């Protein structure tokens, strides 16, 4: 989820903690729990600092081991030690438990969007993306805002957020069921065996999808139950240019993150261009299909790497050209 929603969930858990009689009757512990749940709701995303090492490192590591099973305990322990050092609590087990719940909730909800996490690592070294909830969901955020207003108006925060989280749990179940029905619609429309990835958007009635069959990739959208195929790509075997370009660390980071990838090669005046596009992130640019998340390698004619790029391109080929080798001829 987005940062704002994670913050809201941190404060929401602090309200829910008032169901714990010890927290409710100990003001200093309630404050410590609030600090712990708010920090815990953000902590796994501190891996965003890896962006300082470049886009490739960020893509490879964001929501990776920082969201893994061992990390749940490491984040919890670090936050607990920090809070105990600042404001020691005799009922420390209660503090520890609520911090742990906040960290776990962060990782859990991140599993449900299209970006996903390595939340099952080390038991499964793959990205898990359940594709049921958009990265920012207005309903979830609004539910928390209602809860905060009721809390401010004098309602018992524990009871308020207990009901809010029961409602949100039901909402998650509904979204999962809609996603499954939408997957079946796409499967019927394509009419071939394959893998089908249905991707949520901000709208409840609008989904995008990527389908892979033995010979093709299909990219499209589902609007109020109507399935439309927008782009089709033939799956071609790897050649020596692609193999040479895959030696780039940036490409390796890109391919470690996504499996919804189509690769294209073209000859250029300086050599060859090899481009991988993540089919999940399609937009329209100047009336044409444009895929925003890419990895591109420029090769010389002897197949040595001339330049490379990985990241987001929002304004088409001109933006990509500016980011790559200005010395090409």
Protein backbone atom coordinates (compact mmCIF):
# COMPACT_ATOMS: atom_id res chain seq x y z
CA UNK A 1 0.00 0.00 0.00
CA UNK A 2 0.98 3.64 -0.23
CA UNK A 3 2.72 5.48 2.61
CA UNK A 4 -0.39 7.41 3.69
CA UNK A 5 -2.44 4.22 4.10
CA UNK A 6 0.34 2.54 6.08
CA UNK A 7 0.40 5.57 8.40
CA UNK A 8 -3.37 5.39 8.80
CA UNK A 9 -3.15 1.71 9.66
CA UNK A 10 -0.48 2.45 12.26
CA UNK A 11 -2.77 4.90 14.05
CA UNK A 12 -5.70 2.53 13.54
CA UNK A 13 -3.85 -0.25 15.34
CA UNK A 14 -3.06 2.18 18.15
CA UNK A 15 -6.81 2.69 18.51
CA UNK A 16 -7.47 -1.04 18.32
CA UNK A 17 -4.92 -1.54 21.11
CA UNK A 18 -7.40 0.01 23.56
CA UNK A 19 -9.15 -3.37 23.52
CA UNK A 20 -6.12 -4.52 25.53
CA UNK A 21 -7.06 -3.71 29.16
CA UNK A 22 -3.43 -3.10 30.13
CA UNK A 23 -2.95 -0.58 27.31
CA UNK A 24 -6.28 1.12 28.05
CA UNK A 25 -5.44 1.53 31.74
CA UNK A 26 -1.81 2.63 31.30
CA UNK A 27 -1.48 6.02 29.56
CA UNK A 28 2.29 5.81 29.10
CA UNK A 29 1.96 2.36 27.54
CA UNK A 30 -0.78 3.62 25.20
CA UNK A 31 1.58 6.36 24.00
CA UNK A 32 4.41 3.85 23.55
CA UNK A 33 2.12 1.51 21.64
CA UNK A 34 1.04 4.33 19.33
CA UNK A 35 4.65 5.22 18.60
CA UNK A 36 5.44 1.55 18.04
CA UNK A 37 2.51 0.82 15.73
CA UNK A 38 3.08 3.95 13.63
CA UNK A 39 6.80 3.22 13.21
CA UNK A 40 6.10 -0.48 12.72
CA UNK A 41 3.57 0.29 10.00
CA UNK A 42 6.32 2.10 8.06
CA UNK A 43 9.49 0.23 8.97
CA UNK A 44 9.62 -2.37 6.15
CA UNK A 45 9.55 0.43 3.58
CA UNK A 46 12.76 1.92 4.95
CA UNK A 47 14.41 -0.25 2.32
CA UNK A 48 13.49 2.60 0.00
CA UNK A 49 16.79 4.16 1.05
CA UNK A 50 18.47 1.67 -1.25
CA UNK A 51 17.37 4.01 -4.05
CA UNK A 52 20.52 5.98 -3.20
CA UNK A 53 22.46 3.13 -4.84
CA UNK A 54 20.55 3.54 -8.09
CA UNK A 55 17.31 2.45 -9.71
CA UNK A 56 18.52 -1.10 -10.42
CA UNK A 57 19.38 -1.70 -6.78
CA UNK A 58 16.02 -0.24 -5.72
CA UNK A 59 14.05 -2.48 -8.09
CA UNK A 60 15.92 -5.55 -6.95
CA UNK A 61 15.60 -4.88 -3.22
CA UNK A 62 12.49 -2.79 -2.50
CA UNK A 63 9.90 -4.96 -0.76
CA UNK A 64 12.37 -7.82 -0.89
CA UNK A 65 14.09 -9.18 2.20
CA UNK A 66 12.84 -6.17 4.20
CA UNK A 67 9.38 -7.74 3.90
CA UNK A 68 10.50 -11.32 4.53
CA UNK A 69 9.64 -13.58 7.46
CA UNK A 70 12.95 -12.97 9.33
CA UNK A 71 12.53 -9.22 8.81
CA UNK A 72 9.25 -9.27 10.74
CA UNK A 73 11.19 -10.15 13.88
CA UNK A 74 14.16 -7.90 13.15
CA UNK A 75 12.01 -4.80 12.59
CA UNK A 76 9.94 -5.60 15.68
CA UNK A 77 13.02 -6.07 17.84
CA UNK A 78 14.70 -2.87 16.63
CA UNK A 79 11.61 -0.72 17.20
CA UNK A 80 10.99 -2.30 20.61
CA UNK A 81 14.56 -1.63 21.77
CA UNK A 82 14.35 1.97 20.54
CA UNK A 83 11.11 2.70 22.39
CA UNK A 84 12.21 0.95 25.57
CA UNK A 85 15.41 3.02 25.53
CA UNK A 86 13.37 6.24 25.30
CA UNK A 87 10.42 5.38 27.57
CA UNK A 88 10.80 2.04 29.39
CA UNK A 89 7.56 0.12 29.90
CA UNK A 90 7.10 -2.47 32.65
CA UNK A 91 4.37 -4.16 30.58
CA UNK A 92 6.85 -4.65 27.77
CA UNK A 93 5.25 -7.81 26.37
CA UNK A 94 2.12 -5.87 25.40
CA UNK A 95 4.24 -3.26 23.62
CA UNK A 96 6.18 -5.96 21.80
CA UNK A 97 3.01 -7.69 20.64
CA UNK A 98 1.41 -4.57 19.16
CA UNK A 99 4.61 -3.57 17.36
CA UNK A 100 4.83 -7.06 15.88
CA UNK A 101 1.21 -6.86 14.72
CA UNK A 102 1.89 -3.51 12.99
CA UNK A 103 4.93 -4.86 11.11
CA UNK A 104 3.05 -8.01 10.10
CA UNK A 105 0.04 -6.01 8.90
CA UNK A 106 2.27 -3.86 6.69
CA UNK A 107 3.74 -6.90 4.94
CA UNK A 108 0.37 -8.67 4.76
CA UNK A 109 -1.50 -5.86 2.99
CA UNK A 110 1.41 -5.33 0.58
CA UNK A 111 0.86 -8.86 -0.71
CA UNK A 112 -2.48 -7.86 -2.24
CA UNK A 113 -1.38 -5.29 -4.83
CA UNK A 114 0.34 -5.84 -8.18
CA UNK A 115 3.83 -4.86 -6.99
CA UNK A 116 3.92 -7.59 -4.36
CA UNK A 117 6.66 -8.54 -1.89
CA UNK A 118 8.99 -11.38 -0.99
CA UNK A 119 6.80 -11.94 2.05
CA UNK A 120 7.38 -15.72 2.09
CA UNK A 121 11.18 -15.54 1.91
CA UNK A 122 13.21 -17.69 2.81
CA UNK A 123 10.54 -20.37 2.34
CA UNK A 124 9.84 -19.11 -1.17
CA UNK A 125 12.30 -16.90 -3.03
CA UNK A 126 9.73 -15.35 -5.36
CA UNK A 127 7.64 -12.21 -5.46
CA UNK A 128 4.09 -12.72 -4.22
CA UNK A 129 1.48 -10.37 -5.70
CA UNK A 130 -2.17 -11.31 -5.20
CA UNK A 131 -3.45 -8.46 -7.42
CA UNK A 132 -6.69 -7.75 -5.55
CA UNK A 133 -6.19 -4.24 -4.11
CA UNK A 134 -4.83 -1.14 -5.85
CA UNK A 135 -1.75 0.40 -4.20
CA UNK A 136 -4.00 3.21 -2.91
CA UNK A 137 -7.53 2.16 -2.10
CA UNK A 138 -9.93 5.03 -1.32
CA UNK A 139 -12.32 2.76 0.60
CA UNK A 140 -9.63 1.52 3.00
CA UNK A 141 -8.24 5.00 3.55
CA UNK A 142 -11.68 6.54 4.01
CA UNK A 143 -12.64 3.84 6.53
CA UNK A 144 -9.66 4.85 8.66
CA UNK A 145 -10.58 8.55 8.40
CA UNK A 146 -14.09 7.74 9.65
CA UNK A 147 -12.55 5.84 12.53
CA UNK A 148 -10.31 8.77 13.48
CA UNK A 149 -13.28 11.15 13.45
CA UNK A 150 -15.33 8.86 15.69
CA UNK A 151 -12.33 8.49 18.02
CA UNK A 152 -11.95 12.29 18.18
CA UNK A 153 -15.69 12.59 18.89
CA UNK A 154 -15.31 10.44 22.00
CA UNK A 155 -16.12 6.92 20.77
CA UNK A 156 -14.12 4.04 22.21
CA UNK A 157 -11.22 3.59 19.75
CA UNK A 158 -10.92 -0.12 20.36
CA UNK A 159 -14.55 -0.82 19.48
CA UNK A 160 -14.46 1.58 16.51
CA UNK A 161 -11.42 0.03 14.88
CA UNK A 162 -12.49 -3.51 15.66
CA UNK A 163 -15.56 -2.93 13.49
CA UNK A 164 -13.58 -1.05 10.87
CA UNK A 165 -11.11 -3.92 10.48
CA UNK A 166 -13.92 -6.46 10.34
CA UNK A 167 -15.45 -4.42 7.50
CA UNK A 168 -12.09 -4.08 5.74
CA UNK A 169 -11.52 -7.84 6.04
CA UNK A 170 -14.88 -8.38 4.36
CA UNK A 171 -13.88 -5.87 1.69
CA UNK A 172 -10.68 -7.80 0.99
CA UNK A 173 -12.69 -11.01 0.63
CA UNK A 174 -15.08 -9.33 -1.82
CA UNK A 175 -12.22 -7.94 -3.90
CA UNK A 176 -10.57 -11.36 -4.09
CA UNK A 177 -13.82 -12.89 -5.32
CA UNK A 178 -14.27 -10.17 -7.95
CA UNK A 179 -10.68 -10.69 -9.09
CA UNK A 180 -11.30 -14.42 -9.49
CA UNK A 181 -14.46 -13.83 -11.52
CA UNK A 182 -12.63 -11.32 -13.69
CA UNK A 183 -9.83 -13.83 -14.27
CA UNK A 184 -12.37 -16.34 -15.53
CA UNK A 185 -13.84 -13.75 -17.92
CA UNK A 186 -10.40 -13.11 -19.38
CA UNK A 187 -9.67 -16.83 -19.61
CA UNK A 188 -12.87 -17.33 -21.61
CA UNK A 189 -12.10 -14.36 -23.87
CA UNK A 190 -8.57 -15.54 -24.72
CA UNK A 191 -9.80 -19.09 -25.20
CA UNK A 192 -6.39 -20.69 -24.75
CA UNK A 193 -4.49 -22.32 -21.91
CA UNK A 194 -2.00 -20.08 -20.18
CA UNK A 195 -1.33 -17.86 -17.19
CA UNK A 196 -3.61 -14.91 -16.46
CA UNK A 197 -2.69 -11.92 -14.31
CA UNK A 198 -5.54 -9.57 -13.45
CA UNK A 199 -4.45 -6.18 -12.12
CA UNK A 200 -6.59 -3.83 -9.97
CA UNK A 201 -6.95 -0.11 -10.62
CA UNK A 202 -8.41 2.80 -8.68
CA UNK A 203 -11.88 1.91 -10.03
CA UNK A 204 -13.84 -1.09 -8.76
CA UNK A 205 -15.20 -1.76 -12.26
CA UNK A 206 -11.97 -1.40 -14.23
CA UNK A 207 -9.17 -3.99 -14.30
CA UNK A 208 -6.21 -4.51 -16.61
CA UNK A 209 -4.71 -7.89 -17.47
CA UNK A 210 -1.69 -9.67 -18.90
CA UNK A 211 -2.18 -13.17 -20.30
CA UNK A 212 0.54 -15.50 -21.52
CA UNK A 213 -0.17 -18.49 -23.77
CA UNK A 214 2.29 -20.79 -25.47
CA UNK A 215 2.85 -18.41 -28.39
CA UNK A 216 1.57 -14.97 -27.36
CA UNK A 217 1.28 -12.29 -24.72
CA UNK A 218 -2.09 -10.52 -24.52
CA UNK A 219 -2.55 -7.16 -22.79
CA UNK A 220 -5.98 -5.70 -22.23
CA UNK A 221 -8.61 -4.33 -19.91
CA UNK A 222 -11.89 -5.36 -18.33
CA UNK A 223 -14.50 -2.61 -18.00
CA UNK A 224 -17.68 -3.55 -16.13
CA UNK A 225 -17.24 -7.16 -17.22
CA UNK A 226 -16.38 -6.42 -20.87
CA UNK A 227 -12.99 -7.85 -21.88
CA UNK A 228 -10.96 -5.98 -24.49
CA UNK A 229 -7.58 -7.11 -25.86
CA UNK A 230 -5.46 -4.03 -26.57
CA UNK A 231 -2.07 -5.45 -27.59
CA UNK A 232 -0.76 -8.85 -28.68
CA UNK A 233 2.91 -9.83 -28.76
CA UNK A 234 4.45 -12.96 -30.24
CA UNK A 235 6.79 -14.89 -27.94
CA UNK A 236 10.09 -15.44 -29.72
CA UNK A 237 13.11 -17.55 -28.74
CA UNK A 238 16.14 -15.86 -27.21
CA UNK A 239 18.91 -14.86 -29.62
CA UNK A 240 22.55 -13.91 -29.13
CA UNK A 241 21.75 -10.20 -28.84
CA UNK A 242 19.30 -10.81 -26.02
CA UNK A 243 21.75 -13.16 -24.30
CA UNK A 244 24.49 -10.52 -24.48
CA UNK A 245 22.21 -7.78 -23.15
CA UNK A 246 21.10 -9.96 -20.21
CA UNK A 247 24.62 -9.67 -18.79
CA UNK A 248 23.71 -6.15 -17.67
CA UNK A 249 23.13 -5.88 -13.92
CA UNK A 250 20.25 -3.50 -14.61
CA UNK A 251 18.51 -6.07 -16.79
CA UNK A 252 19.12 -8.80 -14.23
CA UNK A 253 17.51 -6.62 -11.56
CA UNK A 254 14.54 -5.95 -13.85
CA UNK A 255 14.02 -9.65 -14.65
CA UNK A 256 14.37 -10.61 -10.99
CA UNK A 257 11.43 -8.35 -10.22
CA UNK A 258 8.95 -9.12 -13.00
CA UNK A 259 7.97 -12.10 -15.11
CA UNK A 260 5.45 -10.24 -17.29
CA UNK A 261 8.08 -9.29 -19.81
CA UNK A 262 8.22 -8.95 -23.58
CA UNK A 263 11.60 -8.34 -25.23
CA UNK A 264 12.24 -6.58 -28.53
CA UNK A 265 15.44 -6.07 -30.52
CA UNK A 266 16.22 -3.64 -33.31
CA UNK A 267 19.30 -2.62 -35.25
CA UNK A 268 20.55 0.91 -34.71
CA UNK A 269 23.29 2.97 -36.37
CA UNK A 270 25.69 2.20 -33.51
CA UNK A 271 24.75 -1.45 -33.07
CA UNK A 272 21.64 -2.94 -31.48
CA UNK A 273 18.92 -1.97 -29.04
CA UNK A 274 17.42 -4.63 -26.78
CA UNK A 275 14.37 -3.58 -24.78
CA UNK A 276 12.39 -5.45 -22.16
CA UNK A 277 8.96 -4.04 -21.26
CA UNK A 278 6.87 -4.90 -18.22
CA UNK A 279 3.46 -5.56 -19.74
CA UNK A 280 1.63 -4.72 -16.50
CA UNK A 281 2.25 -0.99 -16.85
CA UNK A 282 0.61 0.15 -20.07
CA UNK A 283 -0.53 3.69 -20.83
CA UNK A 284 -1.40 5.80 -23.87
CA UNK A 285 1.12 8.31 -25.23
CA UNK A 286 0.32 10.36 -28.32
CA UNK A 287 -2.44 7.93 -29.25
CA UNK A 288 -0.26 4.81 -29.07
CA UNK A 289 0.34 2.04 -26.54
CA UNK A 290 3.23 2.93 -24.26
CA UNK A 291 4.80 0.68 -21.64
CA UNK A 292 6.27 2.76 -18.86
CA UNK A 293 8.50 0.30 -16.96
CA UNK A 294 11.42 -0.85 -19.11
CA UNK A 295 14.98 -2.14 -19.21
CA UNK A 296 17.01 -1.16 -22.26
CA UNK A 297 20.51 -2.10 -23.36
CA UNK A 298 22.47 -0.59 -26.25
CA UNK A 299 24.98 -3.00 -27.76
CA UNK A 300 27.84 -2.35 -30.12
CA UNK A 301 28.01 -4.50 -33.25
CA UNK A 302 30.43 -6.83 -31.44
CA UNK A 303 27.69 -7.34 -28.78
CA UNK A 304 29.55 -5.52 -26.01
CA UNK A 305 27.34 -3.35 -23.81
CA UNK A 306 27.45 0.31 -24.78
CA UNK A 307 24.89 1.70 -22.33
CA UNK A 308 21.85 0.56 -20.33
CA UNK A 309 18.85 1.88 -18.47
CA UNK A 310 16.18 0.55 -16.17
CA UNK A 311 13.23 2.50 -14.82
CA UNK A 312 10.10 4.42 -15.69
CA UNK A 313 9.52 6.21 -18.98
CA UNK A 314 6.40 8.37 -18.98
CA UNK A 315 6.84 10.40 -22.16
CA UNK A 316 7.82 7.90 -24.83
CA UNK A 317 11.02 7.26 -26.76
CA UNK A 318 12.34 10.81 -26.56
CA UNK A 319 12.65 10.58 -22.79
CA UNK A 320 14.41 7.22 -23.09
CA UNK A 321 16.82 8.58 -25.68
CA UNK A 322 17.89 11.38 -23.34
CA UNK A 323 18.63 8.90 -20.56
CA UNK A 324 20.87 6.69 -22.69
CA UNK A 325 24.23 7.07 -24.36
CA UNK A 326 24.57 10.56 -25.80
CA UNK A 327 27.68 9.44 -27.71
CA UNK A 328 25.95 6.95 -29.97
CA UNK A 329 26.32 7.73 -33.68
